[in-house]
């Protein structure tokens, strides 16, 4: 019995170009500061509304801050000791 032949992949278009994506942040410090500002807004919102969803988002954001601070310290970040929170 003959097995049916299937093409292994679909052909790519000849005009395919990889999309150019610019980074949102050039430095990890900028990302951390934006996260801290977001946390401060969430903290104010929680004290105003006592909404548990806001508290959950706040704790998640704190975890993100710790993650990015660890990344910055592990790669020997610039001005690590010059950042004051």
C-alpha atoms as a PDB file:
ATOM      1  CA  UNK A   1       0.000   0.000   0.000  1.00  0.00           C
ATOM      2  CA  UNK A   2       1.170   3.461  -0.832  1.00  0.00           C
ATOM      3  CA  UNK A   3       1.197   5.979   1.967  1.00  0.00           C
ATOM      4  CA  UNK A   4      -0.265   9.378   1.109  1.00  0.00           C
ATOM      5  CA  UNK A   5       2.334  12.104   0.669  1.00  0.00           C
ATOM      6  CA  UNK A   6       1.943  15.200   2.788  1.00  0.00           C
ATOM      7  CA  UNK A   7       4.208  18.220   2.581  1.00  0.00           C
ATOM      8  CA  UNK A   8       6.242  18.475   5.801  1.00  0.00           C
ATOM      9  CA  UNK A   9       5.523  22.164   6.256  1.00  0.00           C
ATOM     10  CA  UNK A  10       3.582  24.867   4.554  1.00  0.00           C
ATOM     11  CA  UNK A  11       5.676  27.162   2.371  1.00  0.00           C
ATOM     12  CA  UNK A  12       6.661  30.535   3.750  1.00  0.00           C
ATOM     13  CA  UNK A  13       5.882  33.685   1.879  1.00  0.00           C
ATOM     14  CA  UNK A  14       8.862  35.185   0.098  1.00  0.00           C
ATOM     15  CA  UNK A  15       8.111  38.623   1.457  1.00  0.00           C
ATOM     16  CA  UNK A  16       8.208  37.483   5.104  1.00  0.00           C
ATOM     17  CA  UNK A  17      10.088  39.921   7.307  1.00  0.00           C
ATOM     18  CA  UNK A  18      10.806  39.578  10.975  1.00  0.00           C
ATOM     19  CA  UNK A  19       8.964  42.317  12.859  1.00  0.00           C
ATOM     20  CA  UNK A  20      11.184  44.903  14.482  1.00  0.00           C
ATOM     21  CA  UNK A  21      10.380  45.332  18.133  1.00  0.00           C
ATOM     22  CA  UNK A  22      11.808  48.109  20.238  1.00  0.00           C
ATOM     23  CA  UNK A  23      12.255  47.410  23.960  1.00  0.00           C
ATOM     24  CA  UNK A  24       9.920  49.193  26.324  1.00  0.00           C
ATOM     25  CA  UNK A  25      12.697  49.738  28.863  1.00  0.00           C
ATOM     26  CA  UNK A  26      16.364  50.321  28.159  1.00  0.00           C
ATOM     27  CA  UNK A  27      17.430  49.801  31.780  1.00  0.00           C
ATOM     28  CA  UNK A  28      16.148  47.472  34.482  1.00  0.00           C
ATOM     29  CA  UNK A  29      16.118  50.410  36.891  1.00  0.00           C
ATOM     30  CA  UNK A  30      13.385  52.089  34.837  1.00  0.00           C
ATOM     31  CA  UNK A  31      11.257  48.960  34.969  1.00  0.00           C
ATOM     32  CA  UNK A  32      11.714  48.629  38.733  1.00  0.00           C
ATOM     33  CA  UNK A  33      10.805  52.276  39.328  1.00  0.00           C
ATOM     34  CA  UNK A  34       7.656  51.949  37.207  1.00  0.00           C
ATOM     35  CA  UNK A  35       6.694  48.835  39.177  1.00  0.00           C
ATOM     36  CA  UNK A  36       7.250  50.679  42.465  1.00  0.00           C
ATOM     37  CA  UNK A  37       5.075  53.564  41.271  1.00  0.00           C
ATOM     38  CA  UNK A  38       2.376  51.100  40.264  1.00  0.00           C
ATOM     39  CA  UNK A  39       2.609  49.467  43.706  1.00  0.00           C
ATOM     40  CA  UNK A  40       2.191  52.803  45.429  1.00  0.00           C
ATOM     41  CA  UNK A  41      -0.942  53.481  43.385  1.00  0.00           C
ATOM     42  CA  UNK A  42      -2.274  50.015  44.243  1.00  0.00           C
ATOM     43  CA  UNK A  43      -1.564  50.579  47.930  1.00  0.00           C
ATOM     44  CA  UNK A  44      -3.487  53.853  47.879  1.00  0.00           C
ATOM     45  CA  UNK A  45      -6.344  52.160  46.010  1.00  0.00           C
ATOM     46  CA  UNK A  46      -6.469  49.321  48.544  1.00  0.00           C
ATOM     47  CA  UNK A  47      -6.620  51.680  51.533  1.00  0.00           C
ATOM     48  CA  UNK A  48      -9.385  53.599  49.806  1.00  0.00           C
ATOM     49  CA  UNK A  49     -11.536  50.633  48.711  1.00  0.00           C
ATOM     50  CA  UNK A  50     -10.404  47.608  50.788  1.00  0.00           C
ATOM     51  CA  UNK A  51     -10.742  45.517  47.608  1.00  0.00           C
ATOM     52  CA  UNK A  52      -9.023  42.135  47.972  1.00  0.00           C
ATOM     53  CA  UNK A  53      -8.328  41.926  44.220  1.00  0.00           C
ATOM     54  CA  UNK A  54      -6.237  45.083  44.501  1.00  0.00           C
ATOM     55  CA  UNK A  55      -4.358  43.524  47.412  1.00  0.00           C
ATOM     56  CA  UNK A  56      -3.638  40.404  45.338  1.00  0.00           C
ATOM     57  CA  UNK A  57      -2.360  42.528  42.447  1.00  0.00           C
ATOM     58  CA  UNK A  58      -0.227  44.501  44.910  1.00  0.00           C
ATOM     59  CA  UNK A  59       1.407  41.350  46.286  1.00  0.00           C
ATOM     60  CA  UNK A  60       1.999  40.054  42.747  1.00  0.00           C
ATOM     61  CA  UNK A  61       3.639  43.355  41.815  1.00  0.00           C
ATOM     62  CA  UNK A  62       5.900  43.178  44.881  1.00  0.00           C
ATOM     63  CA  UNK A  63       6.988  39.720  43.719  1.00  0.00           C
ATOM     64  CA  UNK A  64       7.809  41.150  40.283  1.00  0.00           C
ATOM     65  CA  UNK A  65       9.895  43.870  41.895  1.00  0.00           C
ATOM     66  CA  UNK A  66      11.876  41.305  43.879  1.00  0.00           C
ATOM     67  CA  UNK A  67      12.417  39.247  40.732  1.00  0.00           C
ATOM     68  CA  UNK A  68      13.752  42.174  38.686  1.00  0.00           C
ATOM     69  CA  UNK A  69      15.929  43.381  41.572  1.00  0.00           C
ATOM     70  CA  UNK A  70      17.478  39.903  41.743  1.00  0.00           C
ATOM     71  CA  UNK A  71      18.048  39.970  37.983  1.00  0.00           C
ATOM     72  CA  UNK A  72      19.716  43.367  38.240  1.00  0.00           C
ATOM     73  CA  UNK A  73      21.956  42.236  41.099  1.00  0.00           C
ATOM     74  CA  UNK A  74      22.858  38.957  39.397  1.00  0.00           C
ATOM     75  CA  UNK A  75      24.079  40.698  36.251  1.00  0.00           C
ATOM     76  CA  UNK A  76      25.976  43.312  38.236  1.00  0.00           C
ATOM     77  CA  UNK A  77      23.547  46.116  37.519  1.00  0.00           C
ATOM     78  CA  UNK A  78      24.567  49.701  37.080  1.00  0.00           C
ATOM     79  CA  UNK A  79      24.219  52.036  40.050  1.00  0.00           C
ATOM     80  CA  UNK A  80      22.902  49.230  42.245  1.00  0.00           C
ATOM     81  CA  UNK A  81      23.710  51.096  45.432  1.00  0.00           C
ATOM     82  CA  UNK A  82      22.751  54.487  43.996  1.00  0.00           C
ATOM     83  CA  UNK A  83      19.046  53.624  43.793  1.00  0.00           C
ATOM     84  CA  UNK A  84      17.020  54.862  46.737  1.00  0.00           C
ATOM     85  CA  UNK A  85      13.465  53.672  47.166  1.00  0.00           C
END
